Amino acid sequence: MINMIQDHNEKYNYESYHLKNKIKISFEVFPPKDVFLEKKLFHNIKLLNKCHPDFFSVTNSINSENRDSTFFIVKKIHSLTRKTVFAHFTTVGYDELDIQTIATNYWKNGIKHILALRGDLPAQYTKKIIYANNLIKLLKSINDFEILVAAYPELHPESSNLQEDLNNLKNKIDLGVKKAVTQFFFNIDKFLKFRDNCTDMGLSVSLIPGILPILNINQLKKFSNMTNVDIPQWIFNDFYKYEGDFDKCTSLSVSIAVNLIIRLYKEGIKNFHFYTLNQSYLSLKICHQLGLI
C-alpha cells in the first residue's frame, strides 16, 4: 500500500477495495466538436465499458447546429457497448411541438431513456420556459420513456432556498420519476442532509451522486463558481502545492473520488454517476481502485 498523504487533517487513502457487484456506476459524456475528438471519445467509451457501467448518458447543446449530435452519439455508444444510454433532453430553445417531434423520433429509433432537464437559460431568453416537470409530462404523453432527472444537494444557482429545490424535485417525483442524478459535490454532509430532507418530505427517489474526477483545479474553480458547489479549501491548497506534477495531481484526484465513494457506500449509497468530461484515465483508475475491473 502506498503511504497516505495527510494535509489539513485530510487523508488520501490509496487502499484498494472490492466493490464489484456491490455498487453500480455510470458515465456522462458530451458530443465532441470535431472528427478527431469524436474518434477519441469512442476510444474512451470502449475503455470505460470495461468498468461494466450500468449506463452511459450523453449531454446535449442548446445551439441549433449541434442539436442532432446527442442523437448520433447515443446511437453510436449503444452500438459499441450494448449498454443503456440516456439522452439528455433540455427544453431551452424548443417549443412543445419541437419536443413532441424529437421525442417521437427518439422512441422510433430505440432511444427510450431520457434525462429530462430544462437547461441553462441564455441571457434575454424570450421563448416560453418549459420546465423539467413540463418536459416529463410531454415525454409521458408520447410513450413510456424511462426518465432520470437532476437533483441539487446544494443550492441551485437560481433557487432562493433549499426548500425550493426540494419542492421542484417533488414535482418531478410526483410525475412518476424514480431516480435522480445529483450535481457533483465534495461535501458529504450536505448530500446526506439533502437525502434526509427528501426522506422527511416522503420523496420516494433513489439519489445517484454525481462524481466529478478533478482533471484541472482551475477548471474545477470555474465549475464551482457556476454551480454554487462548495469546494473545500484544502482541495485547492493540495492541488496548487503539486501544480505541475501530473502524477501527484492524478493521485490526489483519484483518492478524493475514491474516498468520497467509499464514505457514501458506507452510508448505503450503491449507485454513482461519473462526470467524465470525455476523458477515461481518471475514471479507469478510480474504478480499478474500487475493484470494479
C-alpha atoms as a PDB file:
ATOM      1  CA  MET A   1       0.000   0.000   0.000  1.00  0.00           C
ATOM      2  CA  ILE A   2       1.316   3.442  -0.890  1.00  0.00           C
ATOM      3  CA  ASN A   3       1.799   5.740   2.075  1.00  0.00           C
ATOM      4  CA  MET A   4      -1.085   8.041   2.832  1.00  0.00           C
ATOM      5  CA  ILE A   5      -0.617  11.758   2.218  1.00  0.00           C
ATOM      6  CA  GLN A   6      -2.005  13.813   5.058  1.00  0.00           C
ATOM      7  CA  ASP A   7      -2.657  17.524   4.643  1.00  0.00           C
ATOM      8  CA  HIS A   8      -5.020  19.813   6.598  1.00  0.00           C
ATOM      9  CA  ASN A   9      -6.193  16.710   8.510  1.00  0.00           C
ATOM     10  CA  GLU A  10      -7.397  15.102   5.260  1.00  0.00           C
ATOM     11  CA  LYS A  11      -6.072  11.638   4.465  1.00  0.00           C
ATOM     12  CA  TYR A  12      -5.630  10.429   0.919  1.00  0.00           C
ATOM     13  CA  ASN A  13      -6.333   6.737   1.013  1.00  0.00           C
ATOM     14  CA  TYR A  14      -4.753   4.506  -1.617  1.00  0.00           C
ATOM     15  CA  GLU A  15      -6.224   1.279  -0.319  1.00  0.00           C
ATOM     16  CA  SER A  16      -7.851  -0.985  -2.897  1.00  0.00           C
ATOM     17  CA  TYR A  17     -11.441  -2.108  -2.394  1.00  0.00           C
ATOM     18  CA  HIS A  18     -13.636  -4.918  -3.680  1.00  0.00           C
ATOM     19  CA  LEU A  19     -16.924  -3.335  -4.687  1.00  0.00           C
ATOM     20  CA  LYS A  20     -17.609  -5.323  -7.840  1.00  0.00           C
ATOM     21  CA  ASN A  21     -21.271  -6.395  -7.821  1.00  0.00           C
ATOM     22  CA  LYS A  22     -21.789  -4.199  -4.743  1.00  0.00           C
ATOM     23  CA  ILE A  23     -22.156  -0.823  -6.455  1.00  0.00           C
ATOM     24  CA  LYS A  24     -23.252   0.386  -9.880  1.00  0.00           C
ATOM     25  CA  ILE A  25     -21.598   3.167 -11.819  1.00  0.00           C
ATOM     26  CA  SER A  26     -22.490   5.191 -14.889  1.00  0.00           C
ATOM     27  CA  PHE A  27     -20.665   7.672 -17.092  1.00  0.00           C
ATOM     28  CA  GLU A  28     -21.665  11.018 -18.611  1.00  0.00           C
ATOM     29  CA  VAL A  29     -20.057  12.252 -21.833  1.00  0.00           C
ATOM     30  CA  PHE A  30     -20.784  15.104 -24.230  1.00  0.00           C
ATOM     31  CA  PRO A  31     -20.850  15.269 -28.051  1.00  0.00           C
ATOM     32  CA  PRO A  32     -17.362  16.167 -29.329  1.00  0.00           C
ATOM     33  CA  LYS A  33     -16.737  19.198 -31.518  1.00  0.00           C
ATOM     34  CA  ASP A  34     -14.844  17.563 -34.386  1.00  0.00           C
ATOM     35  CA  VAL A  35     -13.997  14.234 -36.002  1.00  0.00           C
ATOM     36  CA  PHE A  36     -10.678  13.889 -34.144  1.00  0.00           C
ATOM     37  CA  LEU A  37     -12.321  14.359 -30.738  1.00  0.00           C
ATOM     38  CA  GLU A  38     -15.151  12.067 -31.795  1.00  0.00           C
ATOM     39  CA  LYS A  39     -12.682   9.265 -32.533  1.00  0.00           C
ATOM     40  CA  LYS A  40     -11.011   9.896 -29.170  1.00  0.00           C
ATOM     41  CA  LEU A  41     -14.369   9.777 -27.378  1.00  0.00           C
ATOM     42  CA  PHE A  42     -15.337   6.415 -28.859  1.00  0.00           C
ATOM     43  CA  HIS A  43     -11.923   5.030 -27.881  1.00  0.00           C
ATOM     44  CA  ASN A  44     -12.537   6.221 -24.313  1.00  0.00           C
ATOM     45  CA  ILE A  45     -16.043   4.735 -24.348  1.00  0.00           C
ATOM     46  CA  LYS A  46     -14.581   1.314 -25.151  1.00  0.00           C
ATOM     47  CA  LEU A  47     -12.173   1.678 -22.224  1.00  0.00           C
ATOM     48  CA  LEU A  48     -14.873   2.869 -19.826  1.00  0.00           C
ATOM     49  CA  ASN A  49     -17.077  -0.038 -20.848  1.00  0.00           C
ATOM     50  CA  LYS A  50     -14.515  -2.353 -19.228  1.00  0.00           C
ATOM     51  CA  CYS A  51     -15.734  -0.951 -15.891  1.00  0.00           C
ATOM     52  CA  HIS A  52     -19.123  -2.636 -16.510  1.00  0.00           C
ATOM     53  CA  PRO A  53     -21.202   0.554 -16.243  1.00  0.00           C
ATOM     54  CA  ASP A  54     -24.925   0.380 -15.623  1.00  0.00           C
ATOM     55  CA  PHE A  55     -25.479   3.042 -18.263  1.00  0.00           C
ATOM     56  CA  PHE A  56     -23.984   5.960 -20.164  1.00  0.00           C
ATOM     57  CA  SER A  57     -25.529   9.391 -20.620  1.00  0.00           C
ATOM     58  CA  VAL A  58     -24.932  11.980 -23.344  1.00  0.00           C
ATOM     59  CA  THR A  59     -25.451  15.707 -22.838  1.00  0.00           C
ATOM     60  CA  ASN A  60     -26.963  17.965 -25.464  1.00  0.00           C
ATOM     61  CA  SER A  61     -26.417  21.519 -26.625  1.00  0.00           C
ATOM     62  CA  ILE A  62     -28.818  24.429 -26.882  1.00  0.00           C
ATOM     63  CA  ASN A  63     -27.035  25.507 -30.072  1.00  0.00           C
ATOM     64  CA  SER A  64     -29.238  24.633 -33.032  1.00  0.00           C
ATOM     65  CA  GLU A  65     -26.339  23.415 -35.185  1.00  0.00           C
ATOM     66  CA  ASN A  66     -25.382  20.806 -32.562  1.00  0.00           C
ATOM     67  CA  ARG A  67     -28.817  19.501 -31.659  1.00  0.00           C
ATOM     68  CA  ASP A  68     -28.536  16.306 -33.698  1.00  0.00           C
ATOM     69  CA  SER A  69     -25.203  15.393 -32.090  1.00  0.00           C
ATOM     70  CA  THR A  70     -26.753  13.832 -28.998  1.00  0.00           C
ATOM     71  CA  PHE A  71     -28.898  11.517 -31.107  1.00  0.00           C
ATOM     72  CA  PHE A  72     -25.885  10.345 -33.120  1.00  0.00           C
ATOM     73  CA  ILE A  73     -23.607   9.827 -30.094  1.00  0.00           C
ATOM     74  CA  VAL A  74     -26.310   7.937 -28.163  1.00  0.00           C
ATOM     75  CA  LYS A  75     -26.823   5.562 -31.080  1.00  0.00           C
ATOM     76  CA  LYS A  76     -23.086   5.044 -31.552  1.00  0.00           C
ATOM     77  CA  ILE A  77     -22.375   4.362 -27.872  1.00  0.00           C
ATOM     78  CA  HIS A  78     -25.200   1.838 -27.751  1.00  0.00           C
ATOM     79  CA  SER A  79     -23.846   0.061 -30.831  1.00  0.00           C
ATOM     80  CA  LEU A  80     -20.338  -0.035 -29.322  1.00  0.00           C
ATOM     81  CA  THR A  81     -21.301  -1.179 -25.828  1.00  0.00           C
ATOM     82  CA  ARG A  82     -24.848  -2.619 -25.999  1.00  0.00           C
ATOM     83  CA  LYS A  83     -25.450  -0.696 -22.778  1.00  0.00           C
ATOM     84  CA  THR A  84     -28.386   1.537 -21.872  1.00  0.00           C
ATOM     85  CA  VAL A  85     -27.710   5.129 -22.933  1.00  0.00           C
ATOM     86  CA  PHE A  86     -29.684   8.086 -21.565  1.00  0.00           C
ATOM     87  CA  ALA A  87     -30.064  11.047 -23.894  1.00  0.00           C
ATOM     88  CA  HIS A  88     -30.059  14.387 -22.099  1.00  0.00           C
ATOM     89  CA  PHE A  89     -33.083  16.375 -23.227  1.00  0.00           C
ATOM     90  CA  THR A  90     -33.048  20.104 -22.463  1.00  0.00           C
ATOM     91  CA  THR A  91     -36.039  22.234 -23.381  1.00  0.00           C
ATOM     92  CA  VAL A  92     -34.266  25.570 -23.897  1.00  0.00           C
ATOM     93  CA  GLY A  93     -34.829  26.751 -27.459  1.00  0.00           C
ATOM     94  CA  TYR A  94     -37.699  24.345 -28.086  1.00  0.00           C
ATOM     95  CA  ASP A  95     -41.458  24.733 -28.081  1.00  0.00           C
ATOM     96  CA  GLU A  96     -43.861  21.910 -27.238  1.00  0.00           C
ATOM     97  CA  LEU A  97     -44.238  20.819 -30.865  1.00  0.00           C
ATOM     98  CA  ASP A  98     -40.444  20.591 -31.224  1.00  0.00           C
ATOM     99  CA  ILE A  99     -40.258  18.441 -28.109  1.00  0.00           C
ATOM    100  CA  GLN A 100     -43.004  16.121 -29.296  1.00  0.00           C
ATOM    101  CA  THR A 101     -41.314  15.723 -32.686  1.00  0.00           C
ATOM    102  CA  ILE A 102     -37.893  14.984 -31.195  1.00  0.00           C
ATOM    103  CA  ALA A 103     -39.288  12.619 -28.567  1.00  0.00           C
ATOM    104  CA  THR A 104     -41.290  10.693 -31.173  1.00  0.00           C
ATOM    105  CA  ASN A 105     -38.170  10.352 -33.318  1.00  0.00           C
ATOM    106  CA  TYR A 106     -36.154   9.169 -30.322  1.00  0.00           C
ATOM    107  CA  TRP A 107     -38.707   6.492 -29.453  1.00  0.00           C
ATOM    108  CA  LYS A 108     -38.983   5.275 -33.051  1.00  0.00           C
ATOM    109  CA  ASN A 109     -35.201   4.908 -33.165  1.00  0.00           C
ATOM    110  CA  GLY A 110     -34.987   2.914 -29.944  1.00  0.00           C
ATOM    111  CA  ILE A 111     -33.867   5.766 -27.680  1.00  0.00           C
ATOM    112  CA  LYS A 112     -36.181   5.187 -24.739  1.00  0.00           C
ATOM    113  CA  HIS A 113     -34.112   6.576 -21.862  1.00  0.00           C
ATOM    114  CA  ILE A 114     -34.126  10.319 -21.211  1.00  0.00           C
ATOM    115  CA  LEU A 115     -32.510  12.601 -18.647  1.00  0.00           C
ATOM    116  CA  ALA A 116     -35.091  15.400 -18.501  1.00  0.00           C
ATOM    117  CA  LEU A 117     -33.752  18.930 -17.925  1.00  0.00           C
ATOM    118  CA  ARG A 118     -34.772  22.494 -18.538  1.00  0.00           C
ATOM    119  CA  GLY A 119     -31.202  23.567 -19.291  1.00  0.00           C
ATOM    120  CA  ASP A 120     -29.366  26.822 -18.658  1.00  0.00           C
ATOM    121  CA  LEU A 121     -31.267  29.871 -19.856  1.00  0.00           C
ATOM    122  CA  PRO A 122     -29.343  32.177 -22.209  1.00  0.00           C
ATOM    123  CA  ALA A 123     -29.338  35.880 -21.459  1.00  0.00           C
ATOM    124  CA  GLN A 124     -32.538  37.674 -22.527  1.00  0.00           C
ATOM    125  CA  TYR A 125     -34.346  34.425 -23.300  1.00  0.00           C
ATOM    126  CA  THR A 126     -37.724  35.318 -24.783  1.00  0.00           C
ATOM    127  CA  LYS A 127     -39.352  31.961 -25.533  1.00  0.00           C
ATOM    128  CA  LYS A 128     -41.804  30.272 -23.196  1.00  0.00           C
ATOM    129  CA  ILE A 129     -39.857  28.435 -20.485  1.00  0.00           C
ATOM    130  CA  ILE A 130     -40.630  24.732 -20.424  1.00  0.00           C
ATOM    131  CA  TYR A 131     -39.502  23.320 -17.096  1.00  0.00           C
ATOM    132  CA  ALA A 132     -38.350  19.760 -16.457  1.00  0.00           C
ATOM    133  CA  ASN A 133     -41.708  18.722 -14.966  1.00  0.00           C
ATOM    134  CA  ASN A 134     -43.464  20.025 -18.110  1.00  0.00           C
ATOM    135  CA  LEU A 135     -40.984  18.059 -20.232  1.00  0.00           C
ATOM    136  CA  ILE A 136     -41.724  14.901 -18.250  1.00  0.00           C
ATOM    137  CA  LYS A 137     -45.438  15.304 -18.936  1.00  0.00           C
ATOM    138  CA  LEU A 138     -44.770  15.774 -22.652  1.00  0.00           C
ATOM    139  CA  LEU A 139     -42.485  12.733 -22.790  1.00  0.00           C
ATOM    140  CA  LYS A 140     -45.046  10.591 -20.979  1.00  0.00           C
ATOM    141  CA  SER A 141     -47.703  11.719 -23.462  1.00  0.00           C
ATOM    142  CA  ILE A 142     -45.532  10.360 -26.303  1.00  0.00           C
ATOM    143  CA  ASN A 143     -44.626   6.994 -24.792  1.00  0.00           C
ATOM    144  CA  ASP A 144     -43.361   5.232 -21.688  1.00  0.00           C
ATOM    145  CA  PHE A 145     -39.821   6.644 -21.556  1.00  0.00           C
ATOM    146  CA  GLU A 146     -37.612   5.763 -18.612  1.00  0.00           C
ATOM    147  CA  ILE A 147     -36.778   9.173 -17.193  1.00  0.00           C
ATOM    148  CA  LEU A 148     -33.997  10.434 -14.958  1.00  0.00           C
ATOM    149  CA  VAL A 149     -33.956  13.938 -13.503  1.00  0.00           C
ATOM    150  CA  ALA A 150     -31.444  16.241 -11.833  1.00  0.00           C
ATOM    151  CA  ALA A 151     -31.189  16.973  -8.115  1.00  0.00           C
ATOM    152  CA  TYR A 152     -29.161  19.563  -6.222  1.00  0.00           C
ATOM    153  CA  PRO A 153     -27.751  18.723  -2.767  1.00  0.00           C
ATOM    154  CA  GLU A 154     -26.508  22.310  -2.610  1.00  0.00           C
ATOM    155  CA  LEU A 155     -28.449  25.382  -3.623  1.00  0.00           C
ATOM    156  CA  HIS A 156     -29.261  25.612  -7.334  1.00  0.00           C
ATOM    157  CA  PRO A 157     -27.913  28.933  -8.696  1.00  0.00           C
ATOM    158  CA  GLU A 158     -31.440  30.129  -9.493  1.00  0.00           C
ATOM    159  CA  SER A 159     -33.114  28.943  -6.288  1.00  0.00           C
ATOM    160  CA  SER A 160     -33.808  31.225  -3.363  1.00  0.00           C
ATOM    161  CA  ASN A 161     -33.502  28.432  -0.790  1.00  0.00           C
ATOM    162  CA  LEU A 162     -33.031  24.668  -0.451  1.00  0.00           C
ATOM    163  CA  GLN A 163     -36.738  24.083   0.153  1.00  0.00           C
ATOM    164  CA  GLU A 164     -37.441  25.441  -3.318  1.00  0.00           C
ATOM    165  CA  ASP A 165     -35.065  22.845  -4.766  1.00  0.00           C
ATOM    166  CA  LEU A 166     -36.807  20.116  -2.784  1.00  0.00           C
ATOM    167  CA  ASN A 167     -40.217  21.280  -3.992  1.00  0.00           C
ATOM    168  CA  ASN A 168     -39.014  21.217  -7.600  1.00  0.00           C
ATOM    169  CA  LEU A 169     -37.727  17.687  -7.129  1.00  0.00           C
ATOM    170  CA  LYS A 170     -41.038  16.663  -5.537  1.00  0.00           C
ATOM    171  CA  ASN A 171     -42.905  17.945  -8.612  1.00  0.00           C
ATOM    172  CA  LYS A 172     -40.849  15.581 -10.763  1.00  0.00           C
ATOM    173  CA  ILE A 173     -41.211  12.632  -8.408  1.00  0.00           C
ATOM    174  CA  ASP A 174     -44.972  13.124  -8.296  1.00  0.00           C
ATOM    175  CA  LEU A 175     -44.984  12.510 -12.054  1.00  0.00           C
ATOM    176  CA  GLY A 176     -43.574   9.016 -11.542  1.00  0.00           C
ATOM    177  CA  VAL A 177     -39.826   9.604 -11.732  1.00  0.00           C
ATOM    178  CA  LYS A 178     -37.917   7.157  -9.536  1.00  0.00           C
ATOM    179  CA  LYS A 179     -34.268   8.220  -9.858  1.00  0.00           C
ATOM    180  CA  ALA A 180     -32.348  11.495  -9.777  1.00  0.00           C
ATOM    181  CA  VAL A 181     -28.713  12.199 -10.611  1.00  0.00           C
ATOM    182  CA  THR A 182     -27.206  14.895  -8.429  1.00  0.00           C
ATOM    183  CA  GLN A 183     -24.959  17.797  -9.232  1.00  0.00           C
ATOM    184  CA  PHE A 184     -21.353  16.939  -8.346  1.00  0.00           C
ATOM    185  CA  PHE A 185     -20.311  17.723  -4.778  1.00  0.00           C
ATOM    186  CA  PHE A 186     -17.457  17.249  -2.326  1.00  0.00           C
ATOM    187  CA  ASN A 187     -19.277  17.967   0.932  1.00  0.00           C
ATOM    188  CA  ILE A 188     -20.731  14.625   2.006  1.00  0.00           C
ATOM    189  CA  ASP A 189     -22.616  16.113   4.972  1.00  0.00           C
ATOM    190  CA  LYS A 190     -24.594  18.357   2.634  1.00  0.00           C
ATOM    191  CA  PHE A 191     -25.531  15.389   0.460  1.00  0.00           C
ATOM    192  CA  LEU A 192     -26.619  13.319   3.455  1.00  0.00           C
ATOM    193  CA  LYS A 193     -28.662  16.241   4.792  1.00  0.00           C
ATOM    194  CA  PHE A 194     -30.305  16.552   1.381  1.00  0.00           C
ATOM    195  CA  ARG A 195     -31.110  12.830   1.419  1.00  0.00           C
ATOM    196  CA  ASP A 196     -32.603  13.180   4.904  1.00  0.00           C
ATOM    197  CA  ASN A 197     -34.719  16.106   3.725  1.00  0.00           C
ATOM    198  CA  CYS A 198     -36.025  14.025   0.827  1.00  0.00           C
ATOM    199  CA  THR A 199     -36.957  11.257   3.248  1.00  0.00           C
ATOM    200  CA  ASP A 200     -38.636  13.724   5.610  1.00  0.00           C
ATOM    201  CA  MET A 201     -40.728  15.016   2.703  1.00  0.00           C
ATOM    202  CA  GLY A 202     -41.745  11.470   1.810  1.00  0.00           C
ATOM    203  CA  LEU A 203     -39.982  11.563  -1.563  1.00  0.00           C
ATOM    204  CA  SER A 204     -39.573   8.058  -2.902  1.00  0.00           C
ATOM    205  CA  VAL A 205     -36.494   8.647  -5.022  1.00  0.00           C
ATOM    206  CA  SER A 206     -33.150   6.947  -5.489  1.00  0.00           C
ATOM    207  CA  LEU A 207     -30.434   9.606  -5.409  1.00  0.00           C
ATOM    208  CA  ILE A 208     -27.435   8.881  -7.623  1.00  0.00           C
ATOM    209  CA  PRO A 209     -24.478  11.034  -6.508  1.00  0.00           C
ATOM    210  CA  GLY A 210     -22.650  12.863  -9.274  1.00  0.00           C
ATOM    211  CA  ILE A 211     -18.894  12.281  -9.034  1.00  0.00           C
ATOM    212  CA  LEU A 212     -16.526  14.718 -10.752  1.00  0.00           C
ATOM    213  CA  PRO A 213     -12.935  13.451 -11.060  1.00  0.00           C
ATOM    214  CA  ILE A 214     -10.757  16.555 -10.885  1.00  0.00           C
ATOM    215  CA  LEU A 215      -8.997  16.948 -14.228  1.00  0.00           C
ATOM    216  CA  ASN A 216      -7.844  20.529 -13.679  1.00  0.00           C
ATOM    217  CA  ILE A 217      -8.075  22.544 -10.481  1.00  0.00           C
ATOM    218  CA  ASN A 218      -8.647  25.859 -12.294  1.00  0.00           C
ATOM    219  CA  GLN A 219     -11.422  24.260 -14.317  1.00  0.00           C
ATOM    220  CA  LEU A 220     -12.935  22.998 -11.050  1.00  0.00           C
ATOM    221  CA  LYS A 221     -12.862  26.525  -9.635  1.00  0.00           C
ATOM    222  CA  LYS A 222     -14.739  27.748 -12.704  1.00  0.00           C
ATOM    223  CA  PHE A 223     -17.326  24.973 -12.318  1.00  0.00           C
ATOM    224  CA  SER A 224     -17.824  25.786  -8.633  1.00  0.00           C
ATOM    225  CA  ASN A 225     -18.467  29.443  -9.440  1.00  0.00           C
ATOM    226  CA  MET A 226     -21.110  28.425 -11.985  1.00  0.00           C
ATOM    227  CA  THR A 227     -22.882  25.890  -9.781  1.00  0.00           C
ATOM    228  CA  ASN A 228     -22.632  27.085  -6.161  1.00  0.00           C
ATOM    229  CA  VAL A 229     -20.884  23.829  -5.271  1.00  0.00           C
ATOM    230  CA  ASP A 230     -18.770  24.124  -2.115  1.00  0.00           C
ATOM    231  CA  ILE A 231     -15.163  23.103  -2.792  1.00  0.00           C
ATOM    232  CA  PRO A 232     -13.194  22.664   0.461  1.00  0.00           C
ATOM    233  CA  GLN A 233     -10.159  24.929   0.559  1.00  0.00           C
ATOM    234  CA  TRP A 234      -7.817  22.030   1.312  1.00  0.00           C
ATOM    235  CA  ILE A 235      -8.537  20.621  -2.174  1.00  0.00           C
ATOM    236  CA  PHE A 236      -7.315  23.843  -3.783  1.00  0.00           C
ATOM    237  CA  ASN A 237      -4.334  24.013  -1.425  1.00  0.00           C
ATOM    238  CA  ASP A 238      -3.195  20.490  -2.183  1.00  0.00           C
ATOM    239  CA  PHE A 239      -3.562  20.763  -5.933  1.00  0.00           C
ATOM    240  CA  TYR A 240      -1.748  24.085  -6.027  1.00  0.00           C
ATOM    241  CA  LYS A 241       1.020  22.560  -3.900  1.00  0.00           C
ATOM    242  CA  TYR A 242       1.572  19.856  -6.509  1.00  0.00           C
ATOM    243  CA  GLU A 243       0.852  22.056  -9.528  1.00  0.00           C
ATOM    244  CA  GLY A 244       2.865  20.832 -12.497  1.00  0.00           C
ATOM    245  CA  ASP A 245       3.331  17.328 -11.086  1.00  0.00           C
ATOM    246  CA  PHE A 246       0.936  15.253 -13.197  1.00  0.00           C
ATOM    247  CA  ASP A 247       1.380  12.018 -11.239  1.00  0.00           C
ATOM    248  CA  LYS A 248       0.774  13.587  -7.829  1.00  0.00           C
ATOM    249  CA  CYS A 249      -2.256  15.534  -9.081  1.00  0.00           C
ATOM    250  CA  THR A 250      -3.640  12.353 -10.637  1.00  0.00           C
ATOM    251  CA  SER A 251      -3.179  10.502  -7.353  1.00  0.00           C
ATOM    252  CA  LEU A 252      -4.914  13.303  -5.451  1.00  0.00           C
ATOM    253  CA  SER A 253      -7.835  13.311  -7.863  1.00  0.00           C
ATOM    254  CA  VAL A 254      -8.290   9.541  -7.709  1.00  0.00           C
ATOM    255  CA  SER A 255      -8.036   9.368  -3.926  1.00  0.00           C
ATOM    256  CA  ILE A 256     -10.532  12.208  -3.421  1.00  0.00           C
ATOM    257  CA  ALA A 257     -13.093  10.454  -5.629  1.00  0.00           C
ATOM    258  CA  VAL A 258     -12.463   7.014  -4.107  1.00  0.00           C
ATOM    259  CA  ASN A 259     -12.778   8.325  -0.547  1.00  0.00           C
ATOM    260  CA  LEU A 260     -15.987  10.118  -1.479  1.00  0.00           C
ATOM    261  CA  ILE A 261     -17.475   6.956  -2.970  1.00  0.00           C
ATOM    262  CA  ILE A 262     -16.372   4.732  -0.079  1.00  0.00           C
ATOM    263  CA  ARG A 263     -17.854   7.072   2.526  1.00  0.00           C
ATOM    264  CA  LEU A 264     -21.124   7.255   0.590  1.00  0.00           C
ATOM    265  CA  TYR A 265     -21.144   3.476   0.152  1.00  0.00           C
ATOM    266  CA  LYS A 266     -20.869   3.100   3.931  1.00  0.00           C
ATOM    267  CA  GLU A 267     -23.927   5.379   4.160  1.00  0.00           C
ATOM    268  CA  GLY A 268     -25.911   2.979   1.986  1.00  0.00           C
ATOM    269  CA  ILE A 269     -25.372   4.537  -1.453  1.00  0.00           C
ATOM    270  CA  LYS A 270     -24.970   1.928  -4.205  1.00  0.00           C
ATOM    271  CA  ASN A 271     -25.119   3.961  -7.448  1.00  0.00           C
ATOM    272  CA  PHE A 272     -22.656   6.603  -8.689  1.00  0.00           C
ATOM    273  CA  HIS A 273     -22.585   8.755 -11.833  1.00  0.00           C
ATOM    274  CA  PHE A 274     -19.203   9.940 -13.143  1.00  0.00           C
ATOM    275  CA  TYR A 275     -18.906  13.265 -14.968  1.00  0.00           C
ATOM    276  CA  THR A 276     -16.034  12.174 -17.224  1.00  0.00           C
ATOM    277  CA  LEU A 277     -15.638  15.332 -19.348  1.00  0.00           C
ATOM    278  CA  ASN A 278     -14.960  12.857 -22.186  1.00  0.00           C
ATOM    279  CA  GLN A 279     -11.808  11.535 -20.508  1.00  0.00           C
ATOM    280  CA  SER A 280     -11.245   7.989 -19.316  1.00  0.00           C
ATOM    281  CA  TYR A 281      -7.934   7.739 -17.459  1.00  0.00           C
ATOM    282  CA  LEU A 282      -9.095   9.111 -14.083  1.00  0.00           C
ATOM    283  CA  SER A 283     -12.352   7.143 -14.133  1.00  0.00           C
ATOM    284  CA  LEU A 284     -10.444   3.964 -15.012  1.00  0.00           C
ATOM    285  CA  LYS A 285      -8.025   4.493 -12.129  1.00  0.00           C
ATOM    286  CA  ILE A 286     -10.909   5.146  -9.739  1.00  0.00           C
ATOM    287  CA  CYS A 287     -12.777   2.045 -10.894  1.00  0.00           C
ATOM    288  CA  HIS A 288      -9.621  -0.054 -10.642  1.00  0.00           C
ATOM    289  CA  GLN A 289      -9.051   1.054  -7.051  1.00  0.00           C
ATOM    290  CA  LEU A 290     -12.669   0.280  -6.237  1.00  0.00           C
ATOM    291  CA  GLY A 291     -12.173  -3.248  -7.604  1.00  0.00           C
ATOM    292  CA  LEU A 292     -14.656  -2.850 -10.453  1.00  0.00           C
ATOM    293  CA  ILE A 293     -12.106  -4.007 -13.068  1.00  0.00           C
END
